[in-house]
Amino acid sequence: MVQAYILINLNTPNLSDTMKQLKTVKGIKNANAVIGPYDCIAELEAGSMDALGDVVVDKILKVDGVAKTLTCVKL
Protein backbone atom coordinates (compact mmCIF):
# COMPACT_ATOMS: atom_id res chain seq x y z
CA MET A 1 0.00 0.00 0.00
CA VAL A 2 1.32 3.43 -0.97
CA GLN A 3 0.22 6.48 1.02
CA ALA A 4 0.70 10.10 0.04
CA TYR A 5 -0.32 13.64 0.83
CA ILE A 6 -1.61 15.52 -2.20
CA LEU A 7 -1.19 19.29 -1.94
CA ILE A 8 -3.78 20.93 -4.18
CA ASN A 9 -4.17 24.41 -5.67
CA LEU A 10 -7.75 25.25 -6.51
CA ASN A 11 -9.19 27.69 -9.00
CA THR A 12 -12.86 27.74 -8.11
CA PRO A 13 -15.48 30.19 -6.93
CA ASN A 14 -17.24 27.38 -5.05
CA LEU A 15 -14.83 25.78 -2.58
CA SER A 16 -17.44 23.60 -0.89
CA ASP A 17 -18.53 21.89 -4.15
CA THR A 18 -14.93 21.20 -5.16
CA MET A 19 -14.14 19.78 -1.71
CA LYS A 20 -17.23 17.52 -1.88
CA GLN A 21 -16.09 16.21 -5.27
CA LEU A 22 -12.55 15.56 -4.01
CA LYS A 23 -13.84 13.59 -1.03
CA THR A 24 -15.68 11.20 -3.39
CA VAL A 25 -12.49 10.20 -5.25
CA LYS A 26 -11.72 6.53 -4.53
CA GLY A 27 -8.55 6.31 -2.44
CA ILE A 28 -8.86 9.69 -0.74
CA LYS A 29 -9.08 9.00 2.98
CA ASN A 30 -9.34 12.63 4.07
CA ALA A 31 -9.30 16.06 2.44
CA ASN A 32 -9.20 19.42 4.17
CA ALA A 33 -9.20 23.01 2.99
CA VAL A 34 -6.18 24.87 4.40
CA ILE A 35 -4.74 28.39 4.46
CA GLY A 36 -1.28 28.82 2.95
CA PRO A 37 0.41 28.24 -0.40
CA TYR A 38 -2.02 25.35 -1.10
CA ASP A 39 -5.80 25.37 -0.79
CA CYS A 40 -6.34 21.73 0.12
CA ILE A 41 -4.41 18.76 1.49
CA ALA A 42 -5.71 15.26 0.75
CA GLU A 43 -4.53 11.91 2.14
CA LEU A 44 -4.47 9.24 -0.55
CA GLU A 45 -3.95 5.47 -0.45
CA ALA A 46 -3.32 3.30 -3.51
CA GLY A 47 -2.09 -0.21 -4.21
CA SER A 48 1.08 0.90 -6.01
CA MET A 49 2.97 3.97 -7.20
CA ASP A 50 1.42 3.51 -10.65
CA ALA A 51 -2.07 3.35 -9.17
CA LEU A 52 -1.34 6.45 -7.06
CA GLY A 53 -0.24 8.35 -10.16
CA ASP A 54 -3.35 7.21 -12.02
CA VAL A 55 -5.63 8.53 -9.26
CA VAL A 56 -3.88 11.90 -9.27
CA VAL A 57 -3.87 12.30 -13.06
CA ASP A 58 -7.14 10.59 -13.98
CA LYS A 59 -9.29 11.54 -10.99
CA ILE A 60 -8.02 14.42 -8.85
CA LEU A 61 -6.80 16.66 -11.67
CA LYS A 62 -10.14 16.15 -13.46
CA VAL A 63 -12.20 17.48 -10.54
CA ASP A 64 -13.71 20.79 -11.57
CA GLY A 65 -11.78 23.59 -9.84
CA VAL A 66 -8.47 21.73 -9.32
CA ALA A 67 -5.65 23.75 -10.90
CA LYS A 68 -2.54 21.74 -9.95
CA THR A 69 -1.19 19.25 -7.44
CA LEU A 70 2.02 18.30 -5.65
CA THR A 71 2.34 14.69 -4.47
CA CYS A 72 4.31 13.88 -1.29
CA VAL A 73 4.68 10.12 -0.79
CA LYS A 74 4.83 8.93 2.83
CA LEU A 75 7.93 6.99 3.86
PDB file of N, CA and C in Angstrom:
ATOM      1  N   MET A   1       0.856  -1.186   0.000  1.00  0.00           N
ATOM      2  CA  MET A   1       0.000   0.000   0.000  1.00  0.00           C
ATOM      3  C   MET A   1       0.895   1.240   0.000  1.00  0.00           C
ATOM      4  N   VAL A   2       0.598   2.167  -0.885  1.00  0.00           N
ATOM      5  CA  VAL A   2       1.320   3.432  -0.974  1.00  0.00           C
ATOM      6  C   VAL A   2       0.417   4.526  -0.429  1.00  0.00           C
ATOM      7  N   GLN A   3       0.969   5.358   0.448  1.00  0.00           N
ATOM      8  CA  GLN A   3       0.220   6.475   1.019  1.00  0.00           C
ATOM      9  C   GLN A   3       0.917   7.773   0.654  1.00  0.00           C
ATOM     10  N   ALA A   4       0.117   8.812   0.418  1.00  0.00           N
ATOM     11  CA  ALA A   4       0.695  10.102   0.043  1.00  0.00           C
ATOM     12  C   ALA A   4      -0.209  11.242   0.500  1.00  0.00           C
ATOM     13  N   TYR A   5       0.422  12.394   0.649  1.00  0.00           N
ATOM     14  CA  TYR A   5      -0.320  13.639   0.830  1.00  0.00           C
ATOM     15  C   TYR A   5      -0.325  14.328  -0.525  1.00  0.00           C
ATOM     16  N   ILE A   6      -1.490  14.791  -0.949  1.00  0.00           N
ATOM     17  CA  ILE A   6      -1.615  15.519  -2.203  1.00  0.00           C
ATOM     18  C   ILE A   6      -1.927  16.967  -1.847  1.00  0.00           C
ATOM     19  N   LEU A   7      -0.999  17.861  -2.173  1.00  0.00           N
ATOM     20  CA  LEU A   7      -1.195  19.291  -1.941  1.00  0.00           C
ATOM     21  C   LEU A   7      -1.845  19.849  -3.198  1.00  0.00           C
ATOM     22  N   ILE A   8      -2.954  20.555  -3.035  1.00  0.00           N
ATOM     23  CA  ILE A   8      -3.785  20.932  -4.178  1.00  0.00           C
ATOM     24  C   ILE A   8      -4.015  22.436  -4.219  1.00  0.00           C
ATOM     25  N   ASN A   9      -3.776  23.022  -5.394  1.00  0.00           N
ATOM     26  CA  ASN A   9      -4.165  24.408  -5.670  1.00  0.00           C
ATOM     27  C   ASN A   9      -5.502  24.378  -6.394  1.00  0.00           C
ATOM     28  N   LEU A  10      -6.420  25.193  -5.913  1.00  0.00           N
ATOM     29  CA  LEU A  10      -7.750  25.255  -6.510  1.00  0.00           C
ATOM     30  C   LEU A  10      -7.949  26.564  -7.253  1.00  0.00           C
ATOM     31  N   ASN A  11      -8.794  26.514  -8.253  1.00  0.00           N
ATOM     32  CA  ASN A  11      -9.193  27.694  -8.999  1.00  0.00           C
ATOM     33  C   ASN A  11     -10.705  27.593  -9.174  1.00  0.00           C
ATOM     34  N   THR A  12     -11.423  27.935  -8.101  1.00  0.00           N
ATOM     35  CA  THR A  12     -12.864  27.743  -8.113  1.00  0.00           C
ATOM     36  C   THR A  12     -13.558  28.819  -7.295  1.00  0.00           C
ATOM     37  N   PRO A  13     -14.704  29.262  -7.750  1.00  0.00           N
ATOM     38  CA  PRO A  13     -15.482  30.193  -6.933  1.00  0.00           C
ATOM     39  C   PRO A  13     -16.297  29.464  -5.866  1.00  0.00           C
ATOM     40  N   ASN A  14     -16.405  28.137  -5.976  1.00  0.00           N
ATOM     41  CA  ASN A  14     -17.236  27.376  -5.051  1.00  0.00           C
ATOM     42  C   ASN A  14     -16.409  26.297  -4.358  1.00  0.00           C
ATOM     43  N   LEU A  15     -15.718  26.683  -3.309  1.00  0.00           N
ATOM     44  CA  LEU A  15     -14.832  25.784  -2.583  1.00  0.00           C
ATOM     45  C   LEU A  15     -15.561  24.555  -2.056  1.00  0.00           C
ATOM     46  N   SER A  16     -16.748  24.729  -1.506  1.00  0.00           N
ATOM     47  CA  SER A  16     -17.443  23.599  -0.889  1.00  0.00           C
ATOM     48  C   SER A  16     -17.797  22.521  -1.909  1.00  0.00           C
ATOM     49  N   ASP A  17     -18.223  22.892  -3.116  1.00  0.00           N
ATOM     50  CA  ASP A  17     -18.534  21.894  -4.147  1.00  0.00           C
ATOM     51  C   ASP A  17     -17.286  21.142  -4.585  1.00  0.00           C
ATOM     52  N   THR A  18     -16.180  21.845  -4.754  1.00  0.00           N
ATOM     53  CA  THR A  18     -14.933  21.198  -5.160  1.00  0.00           C
ATOM     54  C   THR A  18     -14.456  20.245  -4.070  1.00  0.00           C
ATOM     55  N   MET A  19     -14.556  20.645  -2.817  1.00  0.00           N
ATOM     56  CA  MET A  19     -14.141  19.777  -1.714  1.00  0.00           C
ATOM     57  C   MET A  19     -15.024  18.529  -1.652  1.00  0.00           C
ATOM     58  N   LYS A  20     -16.327  18.680  -1.865  1.00  0.00           N
ATOM     59  CA  LYS A  20     -17.226  17.519  -1.879  1.00  0.00           C
ATOM     60  C   LYS A  20     -16.832  16.542  -2.980  1.00  0.00           C
ATOM     61  N   GLN A  21     -16.505  17.066  -4.161  1.00  0.00           N
ATOM     62  CA  GLN A  21     -16.088  16.208  -5.271  1.00  0.00           C
ATOM     63  C   GLN A  21     -14.785  15.480  -4.944  1.00  0.00           C
ATOM     64  N   LEU A  22     -13.829  16.186  -4.363  1.00  0.00           N
ATOM     65  CA  LEU A  22     -12.551  15.561  -4.012  1.00  0.00           C
ATOM     66  C   LEU A  22     -12.751  14.417  -3.018  1.00  0.00           C
ATOM     67  N   LYS A  23     -13.628  14.600  -2.062  1.00  0.00           N
ATOM     68  CA  LYS A  23     -13.843  13.587  -1.028  1.00  0.00           C
ATOM     69  C   LYS A  23     -14.501  12.323  -1.577  1.00  0.00           C
ATOM     70  N   THR A  24     -15.060  12.382  -2.787  1.00  0.00           N
ATOM     71  CA  THR A  24     -15.676  11.196  -3.386  1.00  0.00           C
ATOM     72  C   THR A  24     -14.689  10.393  -4.234  1.00  0.00           C
ATOM     73  N   VAL A  25     -13.488  10.907  -4.448  1.00  0.00           N
ATOM     74  CA  VAL A  25     -12.489  10.196  -5.253  1.00  0.00           C
ATOM     75  C   VAL A  25     -12.037   8.954  -4.496  1.00  0.00           C
ATOM     76  N   LYS A  26     -12.118   7.799  -5.166  1.00  0.00           N
ATOM     77  CA  LYS A  26     -11.715   6.531  -4.535  1.00  0.00           C
ATOM     78  C   LYS A  26     -10.233   6.589  -4.176  1.00  0.00           C
ATOM     79  N   GLY A  27      -9.931   6.285  -2.925  1.00  0.00           N
ATOM     80  CA  GLY A  27      -8.555   6.308  -2.437  1.00  0.00           C
ATOM     81  C   GLY A  27      -8.272   7.478  -1.526  1.00  0.00           C
ATOM     82  N   ILE A  28      -9.054   8.553  -1.640  1.00  0.00           N
ATOM     83  CA  ILE A  28      -8.856   9.695  -0.745  1.00  0.00           C
ATOM     84  C   ILE A  28      -9.478   9.358   0.602  1.00  0.00           C
ATOM     85  N   LYS A  29      -8.631   9.328   1.620  1.00  0.00           N
ATOM     86  CA  LYS A  29      -9.076   9.003   2.979  1.00  0.00           C
ATOM     87  C   LYS A  29      -9.544  10.234   3.739  1.00  0.00           C
ATOM     88  N   ASN A  30      -8.991  11.388   3.392  1.00  0.00           N
ATOM     89  CA  ASN A  30      -9.341  12.630   4.070  1.00  0.00           C
ATOM     90  C   ASN A  30      -8.909  13.785   3.179  1.00  0.00           C
ATOM     91  N   ALA A  31      -9.669  14.848   3.180  1.00  0.00           N
ATOM     92  CA  ALA A  31      -9.302  16.056   2.439  1.00  0.00           C
ATOM     93  C   ALA A  31      -9.777  17.263   3.238  1.00  0.00           C
ATOM     94  N   ASN A  32      -8.879  18.229   3.389  1.00  0.00           N
ATOM     95  CA  ASN A  32      -9.202  19.424   4.166  1.00  0.00           C
ATOM     96  C   ASN A  32      -8.755  20.681   3.434  1.00  0.00           C
ATOM     97  N   ALA A  33      -9.585  21.700   3.486  1.00  0.00           N
ATOM     98  CA  ALA A  33      -9.197  23.012   2.992  1.00  0.00           C
ATOM     99  C   ALA A  33      -8.224  23.601   4.015  1.00  0.00           C
ATOM    100  N   VAL A  34      -7.187  24.277   3.530  1.00  0.00           N
ATOM    101  CA  VAL A  34      -6.178  24.871   4.403  1.00  0.00           C
ATOM    102  C   VAL A  34      -5.855  26.283   3.935  1.00  0.00           C
ATOM    103  N   ILE A  35      -5.205  27.050   4.799  1.00  0.00           N
ATOM    104  CA  ILE A  35      -4.737  28.387   4.462  1.00  0.00           C
ATOM    105  C   ILE A  35      -3.229  28.304   4.293  1.00  0.00           C
ATOM    106  N   GLY A  36      -2.714  28.860   3.225  1.00  0.00           N
ATOM    107  CA  GLY A  36      -1.280  28.822   2.950  1.00  0.00           C
ATOM    108  C   GLY A  36      -1.050  28.766   1.452  1.00  0.00           C
ATOM    109  N   PRO A  37       0.104  28.271   1.033  1.00  0.00           N
ATOM    110  CA  PRO A  37       0.414  28.242  -0.398  1.00  0.00           C
ATOM    111  C   PRO A  37      -0.453  27.247  -1.170  1.00  0.00           C
ATOM    112  N   TYR A  38      -1.084  26.283  -0.474  1.00  0.00           N
ATOM    113  CA  TYR A  38      -2.016  25.345  -1.103  1.00  0.00           C
ATOM    114  C   TYR A  38      -3.388  25.564  -0.503  1.00  0.00           C
ATOM    115  N   ASP A  39      -4.421  25.162  -1.234  1.00  0.00           N
ATOM    116  CA  ASP A  39      -5.798  25.370  -0.790  1.00  0.00           C
ATOM    117  C   ASP A  39      -6.395  24.140  -0.114  1.00  0.00           C
ATOM    118  N   CYS A  40      -5.808  22.973  -0.402  1.00  0.00           N
ATOM    119  CA  CYS A  40      -6.343  21.727   0.120  1.00  0.00           C
ATOM    120  C   CYS A  40      -5.210  20.724   0.284  1.00  0.00           C
ATOM    121  N   ILE A  41      -5.322  19.887   1.315  1.00  0.00           N
ATOM    122  CA  ILE A  41      -4.413  18.758   1.487  1.00  0.00           C
ATOM    123  C   ILE A  41      -5.279  17.514   1.589  1.00  0.00           C
ATOM    124  N   ALA A  42      -4.971  16.513   0.736  1.00  0.00           N
ATOM    125  CA  ALA A  42      -5.709  15.258   0.747  1.00  0.00           C
ATOM    126  C   ALA A  42      -4.766  14.114   1.097  1.00  0.00           C
ATOM    127  N   GLU A  43      -5.271  13.141   1.853  1.00  0.00           N
ATOM    128  CA  GLU A  43      -4.528  11.913   2.136  1.00  0.00           C
ATOM    129  C   GLU A  43      -5.034  10.851   1.170  1.00  0.00           C
ATOM    130  N   LEU A  44      -4.111  10.200   0.477  1.00  0.00           N
ATOM    131  CA  LEU A  44      -4.471   9.240  -0.555  1.00  0.00           C
ATOM    132  C   LEU A  44      -3.786   7.914  -0.295  1.00  0.00           C
ATOM    133  N   GLU A  45      -4.516   6.815  -0.511  1.00  0.00           N
ATOM    134  CA  GLU A  45      -3.952   5.468  -0.452  1.00  0.00           C
ATOM    135  C   GLU A  45      -4.202   4.782  -1.776  1.00  0.00           C
ATOM    136  N   ALA A  46      -3.192   4.058  -2.263  1.00  0.00           N
ATOM    137  CA  ALA A  46      -3.319   3.303  -3.508  1.00  0.00           C
ATOM    138  C   ALA A  46      -2.494   2.028  -3.389  1.00  0.00           C
ATOM    139  N   GLY A  47      -2.759   1.072  -4.255  1.00  0.00           N
ATOM    140  CA  GLY A  47      -2.089  -0.210  -4.205  1.00  0.00           C
ATOM    141  C   GLY A  47      -0.652  -0.197  -4.678  1.00  0.00           C
ATOM    142  N   SER A  48      -0.284   0.802  -5.471  1.00  0.00           N
ATOM    143  CA  SER A  48       1.081   0.895  -6.009  1.00  0.00           C
ATOM    144  C   SER A  48       1.362   2.338  -6.406  1.00  0.00           C
ATOM    145  N   MET A  49       2.613   2.621  -6.733  1.00  0.00           N
ATOM    146  CA  MET A  49       2.967   3.968  -7.196  1.00  0.00           C
ATOM    147  C   MET A  49       2.243   4.287  -8.504  1.00  0.00           C
ATOM    148  N   ASP A  50       2.145   3.297  -9.394  1.00  0.00           N
ATOM    149  CA  ASP A  50       1.424   3.514 -10.655  1.00  0.00           C
ATOM    150  C   ASP A  50      -0.037   3.843 -10.401  1.00  0.00           C
ATOM    151  N   ALA A  51      -0.667   3.106  -9.496  1.00  0.00           N
ATOM    152  CA  ALA A  51      -2.067   3.354  -9.167  1.00  0.00           C
ATOM    153  C   ALA A  51      -2.241   4.727  -8.535  1.00  0.00           C
ATOM    154  N   LEU A  52      -1.294   5.127  -7.682  1.00  0.00           N
ATOM    155  CA  LEU A  52      -1.339   6.446  -7.064  1.00  0.00           C
ATOM    156  C   LEU A  52      -1.284   7.529  -8.143  1.00  0.00           C
ATOM    157  N   GLY A  53      -0.347   7.389  -9.069  1.00  0.00           N
ATOM    158  CA  GLY A  53      -0.240   8.353 -10.162  1.00  0.00           C
ATOM    159  C   GLY A  53      -1.504   8.406 -11.005  1.00  0.00           C
ATOM    160  N   ASP A  54      -2.114   7.246 -11.241  1.00  0.00           N
ATOM    161  CA  ASP A  54      -3.352   7.206 -12.021  1.00  0.00           C
ATOM    162  C   ASP A  54      -4.474   7.969 -11.330  1.00  0.00           C
ATOM    163  N   VAL A  55      -4.579   7.813  -9.999  1.00  0.00           N
ATOM    164  CA  VAL A  55      -5.627   8.530  -9.263  1.00  0.00           C
ATOM    165  C   VAL A  55      -5.408  10.034  -9.371  1.00  0.00           C
ATOM    166  N   VAL A  56      -4.164  10.462  -9.206  1.00  0.00           N
ATOM    167  CA  VAL A  56      -3.881  11.899  -9.272  1.00  0.00           C
ATOM    168  C   VAL A  56      -4.207  12.445 -10.660  1.00  0.00           C
ATOM    169  N   VAL A  57      -3.705  11.787 -11.688  1.00  0.00           N
ATOM    170  CA  VAL A  57      -3.866  12.299 -13.061  1.00  0.00           C
ATOM    171  C   VAL A  57      -5.283  12.104 -13.586  1.00  0.00           C
ATOM    172  N   ASP A  58      -5.847  10.919 -13.380  1.00  0.00           N
ATOM    173  CA  ASP A  58      -7.140  10.594 -13.982  1.00  0.00           C
ATOM    174  C   ASP A  58      -8.344  10.988 -13.152  1.00  0.00           C
ATOM    175  N   LYS A  59      -8.151  11.215 -11.868  1.00  0.00           N
ATOM    176  CA  LYS A  59      -9.291  11.537 -10.995  1.00  0.00           C
ATOM    177  C   LYS A  59      -9.179  12.933 -10.383  1.00  0.00           C
ATOM    178  N   ILE A  60      -8.129  13.158  -9.588  1.00  0.00           N
ATOM    179  CA  ILE A  60      -8.022  14.418  -8.848  1.00  0.00           C
ATOM    180  C   ILE A  60      -7.892  15.613  -9.780  1.00  0.00           C
ATOM    181  N   LEU A  61      -6.999  15.522 -10.762  1.00  0.00           N
ATOM    182  CA  LEU A  61      -6.805  16.663 -11.669  1.00  0.00           C
ATOM    183  C   LEU A  61      -8.008  16.913 -12.578  1.00  0.00           C
ATOM    184  N   LYS A  62      -8.939  15.971 -12.640  1.00  0.00           N
ATOM    185  CA  LYS A  62     -10.137  16.148 -13.460  1.00  0.00           C
ATOM    186  C   LYS A  62     -11.314  16.715 -12.668  1.00  0.00           C
ATOM    187  N   VAL A  63     -11.150  16.861 -11.358  1.00  0.00           N
ATOM    188  CA  VAL A  63     -12.197  17.479 -10.543  1.00  0.00           C
ATOM    189  C   VAL A  63     -12.282  18.949 -10.920  1.00  0.00           C
ATOM    190  N   ASP A  64     -13.488  19.404 -11.186  1.00  0.00           N
ATOM    191  CA  ASP A  64     -13.708  20.794 -11.571  1.00  0.00           C
ATOM    192  C   ASP A  64     -13.214  21.725 -10.463  1.00  0.00           C
ATOM    193  N   GLY A  65     -12.312  22.629 -10.804  1.00  0.00           N
ATOM    194  CA  GLY A  65     -11.782  23.588  -9.845  1.00  0.00           C
ATOM    195  C   GLY A  65     -10.363  23.279  -9.386  1.00  0.00           C
ATOM    196  N   VAL A  66      -9.849  22.070  -9.681  1.00  0.00           N
ATOM    197  CA  VAL A  66      -8.470  21.729  -9.320  1.00  0.00           C
ATOM    198  C   VAL A  66      -7.536  22.282 -10.373  1.00  0.00           C
ATOM    199  N   ALA A  67      -6.581  23.119  -9.961  1.00  0.00           N
ATOM    200  CA  ALA A  67      -5.648  23.747 -10.896  1.00  0.00           C
ATOM    201  C   ALA A  67      -4.366  22.939 -11.036  1.00  0.00           C
ATOM    202  N   LYS A  68      -3.760  22.544  -9.900  1.00  0.00           N
ATOM    203  CA  LYS A  68      -2.540  21.739  -9.950  1.00  0.00           C
ATOM    204  C   LYS A  68      -2.333  21.040  -8.619  1.00  0.00           C
ATOM    205  N   THR A  69      -1.442  20.036  -8.639  1.00  0.00           N
ATOM    206  CA  THR A  69      -1.187  19.247  -7.437  1.00  0.00           C
ATOM    207  C   THR A  69       0.310  19.057  -7.233  1.00  0.00           C
ATOM    208  N   LEU A  70       0.659  18.712  -6.007  1.00  0.00           N
ATOM    209  CA  LEU A  70       2.016  18.299  -5.647  1.00  0.00           C
ATOM    210  C   LEU A  70       1.856  17.062  -4.773  1.00  0.00           C
ATOM    211  N   THR A  71       2.478  15.954  -5.180  1.00  0.00           N
ATOM    212  CA  THR A  71       2.336  14.692  -4.469  1.00  0.00           C
ATOM    213  C   THR A  71       3.546  14.474  -3.552  1.00  0.00           C
ATOM    214  N   CYS A  72       3.275  14.177  -2.278  1.00  0.00           N
ATOM    215  CA  CYS A  72       4.308  13.885  -1.287  1.00  0.00           C
ATOM    216  C   CYS A  72       4.046  12.484  -0.760  1.00  0.00           C
ATOM    217  N   VAL A  73       4.859  11.515  -1.191  1.00  0.00           N
ATOM    218  CA  VAL A  73       4.679  10.123  -0.793  1.00  0.00           C
ATOM    219  C   VAL A  73       5.210   9.929   0.616  1.00  0.00           C
ATOM    220  N   LYS A  74       4.421   9.239   1.451  1.00  0.00           N
ATOM    221  CA  LYS A  74       4.827   8.933   2.831  1.00  0.00           C
ATOM    222  C   LYS A  74       5.926   7.873   2.808  1.00  0.00           C
ATOM    223  N   LEU A  75       6.884   7.995   3.718  1.00  0.00           N
ATOM    224  CA  LEU A  75       7.934   6.994   3.861  1.00  0.00           C
ATOM    225  C   LEU A  75       7.528   5.941   4.877  1.00  0.00           C
TER     226      LEU A  75
END
